[in-house]
Amino acid sequence: MSWIFLVVSGVLETVWAAALAQSRGFSRLVPSLVFVVALVLSMGGLAMALRTIPIGTGYAVWVGIGAVGTAVYGMVALGEPASVARLLCLLAIVAGVVGLKLVH
């Protein structure tokens, strides 16, 4: 169950990061509210996951999911560049996250 909390929390990290960008410095209400709710849920889920997952593994997986998710969101929704080098680097992060799960 802890891994489910961790993965969902990592996805919520992507949500709050995207909402933060869309809030335009907290000048837009709805994205600002989405940011706060997603942030609280993401941190809460991370805290739940860290009850049984070591902090080094849990935090690295959480950040990895959030970083890759946010980068993919930027490429798909915001038109950020999707170069081969960038995609290979994101693949390396995914491989690291999977590796951490396998050795846990």
PDB file of N, CA and C in Angstrom:
ATOM      1  N   MET A   1       0.819  -1.203   0.000  1.00  0.00           N
ATOM      2  CA  MET A   1       0.000   0.000   0.000  1.00  0.00           C
ATOM      3  C   MET A   1       0.862   1.266   0.000  1.00  0.00           C
ATOM      4  N   SER A   2       2.020   1.187   0.674  1.00  0.00           N
ATOM      5  CA  SER A   2       2.901   2.353   0.731  1.00  0.00           C
ATOM      6  C   SER A   2       3.368   2.791  -0.655  1.00  0.00           C
ATOM      7  N   TRP A   3       3.616   1.811  -1.530  1.00  0.00           N
ATOM      8  CA  TRP A   3       4.070   2.158  -2.875  1.00  0.00           C
ATOM      9  C   TRP A   3       2.965   2.828  -3.672  1.00  0.00           C
ATOM     10  N   ILE A   4       1.733   2.441  -3.426  1.00  0.00           N
ATOM     11  CA  ILE A   4       0.611   3.110  -4.098  1.00  0.00           C
ATOM     12  C   ILE A   4       0.528   4.563  -3.637  1.00  0.00           C
ATOM     13  N   PHE A   5       0.632   4.778  -2.319  1.00  0.00           N
ATOM     14  CA  PHE A   5       0.655   6.148  -1.795  1.00  0.00           C
ATOM     15  C   PHE A   5       1.789   6.945  -2.430  1.00  0.00           C
ATOM     16  N   LEU A   6       2.940   6.320  -2.558  1.00  0.00           N
ATOM     17  CA  LEU A   6       4.112   7.018  -3.097  1.00  0.00           C
ATOM     18  C   LEU A   6       3.916   7.403  -4.560  1.00  0.00           C
ATOM     19  N   VAL A   7       3.417   6.489  -5.363  1.00  0.00           N
ATOM     20  CA  VAL A   7       3.217   6.778  -6.786  1.00  0.00           C
ATOM     21  C   VAL A   7       2.144   7.860  -6.972  1.00  0.00           C
ATOM     22  N   VAL A   8       1.037   7.732  -6.247  1.00  0.00           N
ATOM     23  CA  VAL A   8      -0.022   8.746  -6.353  1.00  0.00           C
ATOM     24  C   VAL A   8       0.514  10.104  -5.898  1.00  0.00           C
ATOM     25  N   SER A   9       1.308  10.109  -4.845  1.00  0.00           N
ATOM     26  CA  SER A   9       1.893  11.368  -4.358  1.00  0.00           C
ATOM     27  C   SER A   9       2.843  11.974  -5.379  1.00  0.00           C
ATOM     28  N   GLY A  10       3.593  11.126  -6.085  1.00  0.00           N
ATOM     29  CA  GLY A  10       4.473  11.615  -7.142  1.00  0.00           C
ATOM     30  C   GLY A  10       3.688  12.233  -8.289  1.00  0.00           C
ATOM     31  N   VAL A  11       2.578  11.614  -8.652  1.00  0.00           N
ATOM     32  CA  VAL A  11       1.714  12.173  -9.697  1.00  0.00           C
ATOM     33  C   VAL A  11       1.132  13.508  -9.228  1.00  0.00           C
ATOM     34  N   LEU A  12       0.731  13.563  -7.956  1.00  0.00           N
ATOM     35  CA  LEU A  12       0.206  14.825  -7.420  1.00  0.00           C
ATOM     36  C   LEU A  12       1.274  15.914  -7.391  1.00  0.00           C
ATOM     37  N   GLU A  13       2.539  15.519  -7.304  1.00  0.00           N
ATOM     38  CA  GLU A  13       3.614  16.515  -7.404  1.00  0.00           C
ATOM     39  C   GLU A  13       3.599  17.166  -8.783  1.00  0.00           C
ATOM     40  N   THR A  14       3.347  16.368  -9.806  1.00  0.00           N
ATOM     41  CA  THR A  14       3.213  16.909 -11.153  1.00  0.00           C
ATOM     42  C   THR A  14       2.033  17.877 -11.227  1.00  0.00           C
ATOM     43  N   VAL A  15       0.923  17.506 -10.593  1.00  0.00           N
ATOM     44  CA  VAL A  15      -0.271  18.362 -10.604  1.00  0.00           C
ATOM     45  C   VAL A  15       0.025  19.693  -9.944  1.00  0.00           C
ATOM     46  N   TRP A  16       0.652  19.660  -8.755  1.00  0.00           N
ATOM     47  CA  TRP A  16       0.893  20.949  -8.093  1.00  0.00           C
ATOM     48  C   TRP A  16       1.937  21.787  -8.815  1.00  0.00           C
ATOM     49  N   ALA A  17       2.901  21.147  -9.435  1.00  0.00           N
ATOM     50  CA  ALA A  17       3.894  21.923 -10.189  1.00  0.00           C
ATOM     51  C   ALA A  17       3.246  22.609 -11.393  1.00  0.00           C
ATOM     52  N   ALA A  18       2.393  21.876 -12.104  1.00  0.00           N
ATOM     53  CA  ALA A  18       1.697  22.464 -13.250  1.00  0.00           C
ATOM     54  C   ALA A  18       0.758  23.579 -12.801  1.00  0.00           C
ATOM     55  N   ALA A  19       0.052  23.353 -11.697  1.00  0.00           N
ATOM     56  CA  ALA A  19      -0.861  24.376 -11.178  1.00  0.00           C
ATOM     57  C   ALA A  19      -0.097  25.609 -10.721  1.00  0.00           C
ATOM     58  N   LEU A  20       1.072  25.404 -10.143  1.00  0.00           N
ATOM     59  CA  LEU A  20       1.890  26.540  -9.717  1.00  0.00           C
ATOM     60  C   LEU A  20       2.262  27.416 -10.908  1.00  0.00           C
ATOM     61  N   ALA A  21       2.654  26.778 -11.997  1.00  0.00           N
ATOM     62  CA  ALA A  21       2.985  27.542 -13.206  1.00  0.00           C
ATOM     63  C   ALA A  21       1.761  28.280 -13.740  1.00  0.00           C
ATOM     64  N   GLN A  22       0.617  27.600 -13.722  1.00  0.00           N
ATOM     65  CA  GLN A  22      -0.610  28.207 -14.245  1.00  0.00           C
ATOM     66  C   GLN A  22      -1.170  29.301 -13.330  1.00  0.00           C
ATOM     67  N   SER A  23      -0.757  29.316 -12.062  1.00  0.00           N
ATOM     68  CA  SER A  23      -1.289  30.321 -11.130  1.00  0.00           C
ATOM     69  C   SER A  23      -0.732  31.721 -11.397  1.00  0.00           C
ATOM     70  N   ARG A  24       0.339  31.780 -12.195  1.00  0.00           N
ATOM     71  CA  ARG A  24       0.974  33.071 -12.526  1.00  0.00           C
ATOM     72  C   ARG A  24       1.301  33.861 -11.260  1.00  0.00           C
ATOM     73  N   GLY A  25       2.087  33.200 -10.385  1.00  0.00           N
ATOM     74  CA  GLY A  25       2.490  33.873  -9.143  1.00  0.00           C
ATOM     75  C   GLY A  25       1.338  34.035  -8.164  1.00  0.00           C
ATOM     76  N   PHE A  26       0.449  33.069  -8.145  1.00  0.00           N
ATOM     77  CA  PHE A  26      -0.732  33.056  -7.281  1.00  0.00           C
ATOM     78  C   PHE A  26      -1.700  34.198  -7.584  1.00  0.00           C
ATOM     79  N   SER A  27      -1.688  34.672  -8.814  1.00  0.00           N
ATOM     80  CA  SER A  27      -2.613  35.735  -9.204  1.00  0.00           C
ATOM     81  C   SER A  27      -3.912  35.183  -9.802  1.00  0.00           C
ATOM     82  N   ARG A  28      -3.977  33.875 -10.021  1.00  0.00           N
ATOM     83  CA  ARG A  28      -5.188  33.236 -10.553  1.00  0.00           C
ATOM     84  C   ARG A  28      -5.721  32.265  -9.500  1.00  0.00           C
ATOM     85  N   LEU A  29      -6.984  32.409  -9.143  1.00  0.00           N
ATOM     86  CA  LEU A  29      -7.559  31.685  -8.010  1.00  0.00           C
ATOM     87  C   LEU A  29      -7.605  30.174  -8.204  1.00  0.00           C
ATOM     88  N   VAL A  30      -8.202  29.693  -9.278  1.00  0.00           N
ATOM     89  CA  VAL A  30      -8.397  28.248  -9.431  1.00  0.00           C
ATOM     90  C   VAL A  30      -7.068  27.491  -9.474  1.00  0.00           C
ATOM     91  N   PRO A  31      -6.107  27.890 -10.308  1.00  0.00           N
ATOM     92  CA  PRO A  31      -4.831  27.164 -10.277  1.00  0.00           C
ATOM     93  C   PRO A  31      -4.130  27.260  -8.914  1.00  0.00           C
ATOM     94  N   SER A  32      -4.310  28.376  -8.225  1.00  0.00           N
ATOM     95  CA  SER A  32      -3.709  28.518  -6.895  1.00  0.00           C
ATOM     96  C   SER A  32      -4.331  27.532  -5.904  1.00  0.00           C
ATOM     97  N   LEU A  33      -5.643  27.354  -5.988  1.00  0.00           N
ATOM     98  CA  LEU A  33      -6.328  26.396  -5.116  1.00  0.00           C
ATOM     99  C   LEU A  33      -5.938  24.960  -5.464  1.00  0.00           C
ATOM    100  N   VAL A  34      -5.836  24.662  -6.747  1.00  0.00           N
ATOM    101  CA  VAL A  34      -5.405  23.329  -7.174  1.00  0.00           C
ATOM    102  C   VAL A  34      -3.997  23.064  -6.650  1.00  0.00           C
ATOM    103  N   PHE A  35      -3.131  24.058  -6.721  1.00  0.00           N
ATOM    104  CA  PHE A  35      -1.769  23.932  -6.201  1.00  0.00           C
ATOM    105  C   PHE A  35      -1.785  23.554  -4.724  1.00  0.00           C
ATOM    106  N   VAL A  36      -2.531  24.286  -3.922  1.00  0.00           N
ATOM    107  CA  VAL A  36      -2.548  24.052  -2.471  1.00  0.00           C
ATOM    108  C   VAL A  36      -3.089  22.661  -2.148  1.00  0.00           C
ATOM    109  N   VAL A  37      -4.201  22.284  -2.758  1.00  0.00           N
ATOM    110  CA  VAL A  37      -4.807  20.978  -2.483  1.00  0.00           C
ATOM    111  C   VAL A  37      -3.871  19.852  -2.916  1.00  0.00           C
ATOM    112  N   ALA A  38      -3.329  19.949  -4.131  1.00  0.00           N
ATOM    113  CA  ALA A  38      -2.432  18.904  -4.629  1.00  0.00           C
ATOM    114  C   ALA A  38      -1.160  18.820  -3.786  1.00  0.00           C
ATOM    115  N   LEU A  39      -0.651  19.971  -3.348  1.00  0.00           N
ATOM    116  CA  LEU A  39       0.556  19.986  -2.517  1.00  0.00           C
ATOM    117  C   LEU A  39       0.309  19.283  -1.189  1.00  0.00           C
ATOM    118  N   VAL A  40      -0.789  19.609  -0.534  1.00  0.00           N
ATOM    119  CA  VAL A  40      -1.108  18.993   0.758  1.00  0.00           C
ATOM    120  C   VAL A  40      -1.304  17.484   0.598  1.00  0.00           C
ATOM    121  N   LEU A  41      -2.055  17.072  -0.429  1.00  0.00           N
ATOM    122  CA  LEU A  41      -2.280  15.643  -0.654  1.00  0.00           C
ATOM    123  C   LEU A  41      -0.981  14.922  -1.022  1.00  0.00           C
ATOM    124  N   SER A  42      -0.149  15.571  -1.814  1.00  0.00           N
ATOM    125  CA  SER A  42       1.121  14.976  -2.206  1.00  0.00           C
ATOM    126  C   SER A  42       2.034  14.775  -1.001  1.00  0.00           C
ATOM    127  N   MET A  43       2.146  15.786  -0.173  1.00  0.00           N
ATOM    128  CA  MET A  43       2.992  15.679   1.022  1.00  0.00           C
ATOM    129  C   MET A  43       2.419  14.662   2.009  1.00  0.00           C
ATOM    130  N   GLY A  44       1.094  14.662   2.151  1.00  0.00           N
ATOM    131  CA  GLY A  44       0.457  13.699   3.047  1.00  0.00           C
ATOM    132  C   GLY A  44       0.684  12.271   2.594  1.00  0.00           C
ATOM    133  N   GLY A  45       0.546  12.032   1.303  1.00  0.00           N
ATOM    134  CA  GLY A  45       0.796  10.698   0.762  1.00  0.00           C
ATOM    135  C   GLY A  45       2.247  10.287   0.914  1.00  0.00           C
ATOM    136  N   LEU A  46       3.155  11.220   0.698  1.00  0.00           N
ATOM    137  CA  LEU A  46       4.575  10.931   0.892  1.00  0.00           C
ATOM    138  C   LEU A  46       4.840  10.550   2.346  1.00  0.00           C
ATOM    139  N   ALA A  47       4.251  11.298   3.260  1.00  0.00           N
ATOM    140  CA  ALA A  47       4.419  10.994   4.687  1.00  0.00           C
ATOM    141  C   ALA A  47       3.893   9.600   5.020  1.00  0.00           C
ATOM    142  N   MET A  48       2.758   9.241   4.443  1.00  0.00           N
ATOM    143  CA  MET A  48       2.190   7.900   4.676  1.00  0.00           C
ATOM    144  C   MET A  48       3.129   6.823   4.117  1.00  0.00           C
ATOM    145  N   ALA A  49       3.642   7.050   2.928  1.00  0.00           N
ATOM    146  CA  ALA A  49       4.523   6.076   2.295  1.00  0.00           C
ATOM    147  C   ALA A  49       5.814   5.883   3.093  1.00  0.00           C
ATOM    148  N   LEU A  50       6.316   6.976   3.666  1.00  0.00           N
ATOM    149  CA  LEU A  50       7.584   6.908   4.390  1.00  0.00           C
ATOM    150  C   LEU A  50       7.480   6.200   5.737  1.00  0.00           C
ATOM    151  N   ARG A  51       6.278   5.770   6.082  1.00  0.00           N
ATOM    152  CA  ARG A  51       6.136   4.955   7.299  1.00  0.00           C
ATOM    153  C   ARG A  51       6.835   3.607   7.134  1.00  0.00           C
ATOM    154  N   THR A  52       6.849   3.091   5.890  1.00  0.00           N
ATOM    155  CA  THR A  52       7.465   1.778   5.666  1.00  0.00           C
ATOM    156  C   THR A  52       8.553   1.774   4.592  1.00  0.00           C
ATOM    157  N   ILE A  53       8.636   2.810   3.802  1.00  0.00           N
ATOM    158  CA  ILE A  53       9.672   2.907   2.761  1.00  0.00           C
ATOM    159  C   ILE A  53      10.781   3.806   3.299  1.00  0.00           C
ATOM    160  N   PRO A  54      12.049   3.406   3.157  1.00  0.00           N
ATOM    161  CA  PRO A  54      13.149   4.263   3.627  1.00  0.00           C
ATOM    162  C   PRO A  54      13.100   5.644   2.962  1.00  0.00           C
ATOM    163  N   ILE A  55      13.460   6.666   3.698  1.00  0.00           N
ATOM    164  CA  ILE A  55      13.339   8.043   3.198  1.00  0.00           C
ATOM    165  C   ILE A  55      14.156   8.268   1.929  1.00  0.00           C
ATOM    166  N   GLY A  56      15.344   7.713   1.859  1.00  0.00           N
ATOM    167  CA  GLY A  56      16.163   7.904   0.655  1.00  0.00           C
ATOM    168  C   GLY A  56      15.494   7.351  -0.581  1.00  0.00           C
ATOM    169  N   THR A  57      14.932   6.169  -0.469  1.00  0.00           N
ATOM    170  CA  THR A  57      14.226   5.550  -1.584  1.00  0.00           C
ATOM    171  C   THR A  57      12.926   6.293  -1.880  1.00  0.00           C
ATOM    172  N   GLY A  58      12.141   6.541  -0.847  1.00  0.00           N
ATOM    173  CA  GLY A  58      10.840   7.183  -1.029  1.00  0.00           C
ATOM    174  C   GLY A  58      10.944   8.564  -1.639  1.00  0.00           C
ATOM    175  N   TYR A  59      11.848   9.362  -1.104  1.00  0.00           N
ATOM    176  CA  TYR A  59      11.978  10.730  -1.603  1.00  0.00           C
ATOM    177  C   TYR A  59      12.490  10.729  -3.041  1.00  0.00           C
ATOM    178  N   ALA A  60      13.457   9.882  -3.338  1.00  0.00           N
ATOM    179  CA  ALA A  60      13.999   9.828  -4.702  1.00  0.00           C
ATOM    180  C   ALA A  60      12.928   9.392  -5.705  1.00  0.00           C
ATOM    181  N   VAL A  61      12.114   8.408  -5.334  1.00  0.00           N
ATOM    182  CA  VAL A  61      11.049   7.954  -6.224  1.00  0.00           C
ATOM    183  C   VAL A  61      10.013   9.053  -6.399  1.00  0.00           C
ATOM    184  N   TRP A  62       9.625   9.698  -5.298  1.00  0.00           N
ATOM    185  CA  TRP A  62       8.627  10.780  -5.336  1.00  0.00           C
ATOM    186  C   TRP A  62       9.092  11.918  -6.251  1.00  0.00           C
ATOM    187  N   VAL A  63      10.326  12.345  -6.059  1.00  0.00           N
ATOM    188  CA  VAL A  63      10.876  13.429  -6.883  1.00  0.00           C
ATOM    189  C   VAL A  63      11.001  12.986  -8.336  1.00  0.00           C
ATOM    190  N   GLY A  64      11.438  11.750  -8.561  1.00  0.00           N
ATOM    191  CA  GLY A  64      11.594  11.254  -9.924  1.00  0.00           C
ATOM    192  C   GLY A  64      10.281  11.236 -10.683  1.00  0.00           C
ATOM    193  N   ILE A  65       9.236  10.721 -10.028  1.00  0.00           N
ATOM    194  CA  ILE A  65       7.916  10.697 -10.668  1.00  0.00           C
ATOM    195  C   ILE A  65       7.450  12.118 -10.957  1.00  0.00           C
ATOM    196  N   GLY A  66       7.605  12.998  -9.991  1.00  0.00           N
ATOM    197  CA  GLY A  66       7.186  14.385 -10.173  1.00  0.00           C
ATOM    198  C   GLY A  66       7.975  15.099 -11.264  1.00  0.00           C
ATOM    199  N   ALA A  67       9.276  14.873 -11.287  1.00  0.00           N
ATOM    200  CA  ALA A  67      10.121  15.542 -12.289  1.00  0.00           C
ATOM    201  C   ALA A  67       9.796  15.061 -13.700  1.00  0.00           C
ATOM    202  N   VAL A  68       9.692  13.760 -13.865  1.00  0.00           N
ATOM    203  CA  VAL A  68       9.381  13.220 -15.193  1.00  0.00           C
ATOM    204  C   VAL A  68       7.970  13.640 -15.610  1.00  0.00           C
ATOM    205  N   GLY A  69       7.026  13.532 -14.691  1.00  0.00           N
ATOM    206  CA  GLY A  69       5.650  13.933 -15.006  1.00  0.00           C
ATOM    207  C   GLY A  69       5.547  15.390 -15.401  1.00  0.00           C
ATOM    208  N   THR A  70       6.244  16.240 -14.665  1.00  0.00           N
ATOM    209  CA  THR A  70       6.201  17.674 -14.965  1.00  0.00           C
ATOM    210  C   THR A  70       6.880  17.980 -16.302  1.00  0.00           C
ATOM    211  N   ALA A  71       7.982  17.318 -16.579  1.00  0.00           N
ATOM    212  CA  ALA A  71       8.657  17.527 -17.862  1.00  0.00           C
ATOM    213  C   ALA A  71       7.788  17.054 -19.026  1.00  0.00           C
ATOM    214  N   VAL A  72       7.148  15.905 -18.866  1.00  0.00           N
ATOM    215  CA  VAL A  72       6.263  15.395 -19.927  1.00  0.00           C
ATOM    216  C   VAL A  72       5.073  16.338 -20.107  1.00  0.00           C
ATOM    217  N   TYR A  73       4.494  16.807 -19.008  1.00  0.00           N
ATOM    218  CA  TYR A  73       3.401  17.784 -19.092  1.00  0.00           C
ATOM    219  C   TYR A  73       3.858  19.015 -19.885  1.00  0.00           C
ATOM    220  N   GLY A  74       5.040  19.511 -19.586  1.00  0.00           N
ATOM    221  CA  GLY A  74       5.555  20.679 -20.297  1.00  0.00           C
ATOM    222  C   GLY A  74       5.697  20.432 -21.789  1.00  0.00           C
ATOM    223  N   MET A  75       6.163  19.244 -22.138  1.00  0.00           N
ATOM    224  CA  MET A  75       6.337  18.932 -23.558  1.00  0.00           C
ATOM    225  C   MET A  75       4.990  18.749 -24.265  1.00  0.00           C
ATOM    226  N   VAL A  76       4.072  18.047 -23.624  1.00  0.00           N
ATOM    227  CA  VAL A  76       2.789  17.726 -24.260  1.00  0.00           C
ATOM    228  C   VAL A  76       1.837  18.922 -24.253  1.00  0.00           C
ATOM    229  N   ALA A  77       1.699  19.571 -23.110  1.00  0.00           N
ATOM    230  CA  ALA A  77       0.676  20.607 -22.967  1.00  0.00           C
ATOM    231  C   ALA A  77       1.184  22.022 -23.231  1.00  0.00           C
ATOM    232  N   LEU A  78       2.461  22.240 -23.015  1.00  0.00           N
ATOM    233  CA  LEU A  78       2.979  23.609 -23.123  1.00  0.00           C
ATOM    234  C   LEU A  78       3.919  23.816 -24.301  1.00  0.00           C
ATOM    235  N   GLY A  79       4.127  22.781 -25.084  1.00  0.00           N
ATOM    236  CA  GLY A  79       4.962  22.916 -26.272  1.00  0.00           C
ATOM    237  C   GLY A  79       6.449  23.059 -25.995  1.00  0.00           C
ATOM    238  N   GLU A  80       6.897  22.595 -24.839  1.00  0.00           N
ATOM    239  CA  GLU A  80       8.336  22.640 -24.557  1.00  0.00           C
ATOM    240  C   GLU A  80       9.050  21.642 -25.459  1.00  0.00           C
ATOM    241  N   PRO A  81      10.328  21.868 -25.745  1.00  0.00           N
ATOM    242  CA  PRO A  81      11.037  20.981 -26.676  1.00  0.00           C
ATOM    243  C   PRO A  81      11.139  19.549 -26.147  1.00  0.00           C
ATOM    244  N   ALA A  82      11.022  18.601 -27.075  1.00  0.00           N
ATOM    245  CA  ALA A  82      11.132  17.173 -26.743  1.00  0.00           C
ATOM    246  C   ALA A  82      12.280  16.576 -27.543  1.00  0.00           C
ATOM    247  N   SER A  83      13.476  17.037 -27.283  1.00  0.00           N
ATOM    248  CA  SER A  83      14.635  16.555 -28.022  1.00  0.00           C
ATOM    249  C   SER A  83      14.979  15.129 -27.592  1.00  0.00           C
ATOM    250  N   VAL A  84      15.729  14.460 -28.432  1.00  0.00           N
ATOM    251  CA  VAL A  84      16.151  13.095 -28.119  1.00  0.00           C
ATOM    252  C   VAL A  84      16.962  13.086 -26.828  1.00  0.00           C
ATOM    253  N   ALA A  85      17.861  14.028 -26.669  1.00  0.00           N
ATOM    254  CA  ALA A  85      18.685  14.081 -25.462  1.00  0.00           C
ATOM    255  C   ALA A  85      17.814  14.258 -24.216  1.00  0.00           C
ATOM    256  N   ARG A  86      16.836  15.126 -24.298  1.00  0.00           N
ATOM    257  CA  ARG A  86      15.950  15.362 -23.151  1.00  0.00           C
ATOM    258  C   ARG A  86      15.158  14.096 -22.818  1.00  0.00           C
ATOM    259  N   LEU A  87      14.624  13.440 -23.832  1.00  0.00           N
ATOM    260  CA  LEU A  87      13.862  12.210 -23.607  1.00  0.00           C
ATOM    261  C   LEU A  87      14.739  11.101 -23.039  1.00  0.00           C
ATOM    262  N   LEU A  88      15.978  11.011 -23.481  1.00  0.00           N
ATOM    263  CA  LEU A  88      16.891  10.007 -22.933  1.00  0.00           C
ATOM    264  C   LEU A  88      17.201  10.288 -21.461  1.00  0.00           C
ATOM    265  N   CYS A  89      17.353  11.541 -21.115  1.00  0.00           N
ATOM    266  CA  CYS A  89      17.590  11.897 -19.711  1.00  0.00           C
ATOM    267  C   CYS A  89      16.381  11.549 -18.847  1.00  0.00           C
ATOM    268  N   LEU A  90      15.183  11.808 -19.350  1.00  0.00           N
ATOM    269  CA  LEU A  90      13.975  11.440 -18.609  1.00  0.00           C
ATOM    270  C   LEU A  90      13.864   9.920 -18.481  1.00  0.00           C
ATOM    271  N   LEU A  91      14.241   9.203 -19.513  1.00  0.00           N
ATOM    272  CA  LEU A  91      14.248   7.744 -19.459  1.00  0.00           C
ATOM    273  C   LEU A  91      15.227   7.248 -18.392  1.00  0.00           C
ATOM    274  N   ALA A  92      16.338   7.930 -18.249  1.00  0.00           N
ATOM    275  CA  ALA A  92      17.310   7.559 -17.216  1.00  0.00           C
ATOM    276  C   ALA A  92      16.711   7.743 -15.819  1.00  0.00           C
ATOM    277  N   ILE A  93      15.930   8.799 -15.632  1.00  0.00           N
ATOM    278  CA  ILE A  93      15.267   9.012 -14.337  1.00  0.00           C
ATOM    279  C   ILE A  93      14.268   7.883 -14.080  1.00  0.00           C
ATOM    280  N   VAL A  94      13.480   7.539 -15.089  1.00  0.00           N
ATOM    281  CA  VAL A  94      12.509   6.447 -14.948  1.00  0.00           C
ATOM    282  C   VAL A  94      13.233   5.144 -14.595  1.00  0.00           C
ATOM    283  N   ALA A  95      14.340   4.878 -15.262  1.00  0.00           N
ATOM    284  CA  ALA A  95      15.110   3.656 -14.976  1.00  0.00           C
ATOM    285  C   ALA A  95      15.607   3.669 -13.534  1.00  0.00           C
ATOM    286  N   GLY A  96      16.020   4.828 -13.052  1.00  0.00           N
ATOM    287  CA  GLY A  96      16.463   4.937 -11.662  1.00  0.00           C
ATOM    288  C   GLY A  96      15.340   4.675 -10.684  1.00  0.00           C
ATOM    289  N   VAL A  97      14.155   5.210 -10.969  1.00  0.00           N
ATOM    290  CA  VAL A  97      12.989   5.000 -10.103  1.00  0.00           C
ATOM    291  C   VAL A  97      12.618   3.519 -10.080  1.00  0.00           C
ATOM    292  N   VAL A  98      12.583   2.879 -11.245  1.00  0.00           N
ATOM    293  CA  VAL A  98      12.268   1.452 -11.312  1.00  0.00           C
ATOM    294  C   VAL A  98      13.346   0.657 -10.576  1.00  0.00           C
ATOM    295  N   GLY A  99      14.593   1.032 -10.765  1.00  0.00           N
ATOM    296  CA  GLY A  99      15.684   0.361 -10.064  1.00  0.00           C
ATOM    297  C   GLY A  99      15.554   0.446  -8.551  1.00  0.00           C
ATOM    298  N   LEU A 100      15.184   1.616  -8.048  1.00  0.00           N
ATOM    299  CA  LEU A 100      14.999   1.775  -6.600  1.00  0.00           C
ATOM    300  C   LEU A 100      13.881   0.883  -6.092  1.00  0.00           C
ATOM    301  N   LYS A 101      12.821   0.758  -6.873  1.00  0.00           N
ATOM    302  CA  LYS A 101      11.717  -0.131  -6.477  1.00  0.00           C
ATOM    303  C   LYS A 101      12.186  -1.586  -6.457  1.00  0.00           C
ATOM    304  N   LEU A 102      12.942  -1.972  -7.447  1.00  0.00           N
ATOM    305  CA  LEU A 102      13.396  -3.367  -7.536  1.00  0.00           C
ATOM    306  C   LEU A 102      14.354  -3.744  -6.419  1.00  0.00           C
ATOM    307  N   VAL A 103      15.184  -2.830  -5.989  1.00  0.00           N
ATOM    308  CA  VAL A 103      16.153  -3.165  -4.934  1.00  0.00           C
ATOM    309  C   VAL A 103      15.598  -2.941  -3.526  1.00  0.00           C
ATOM    310  N   HIS A 104      14.398  -2.399  -3.427  1.00  0.00           N
ATOM    311  CA  HIS A 104      13.796  -2.173  -2.105  1.00  0.00           C
ATOM    312  C   HIS A 104      13.387  -3.475  -1.464  1.00  0.00           C
TER     313      HIS A 104
END
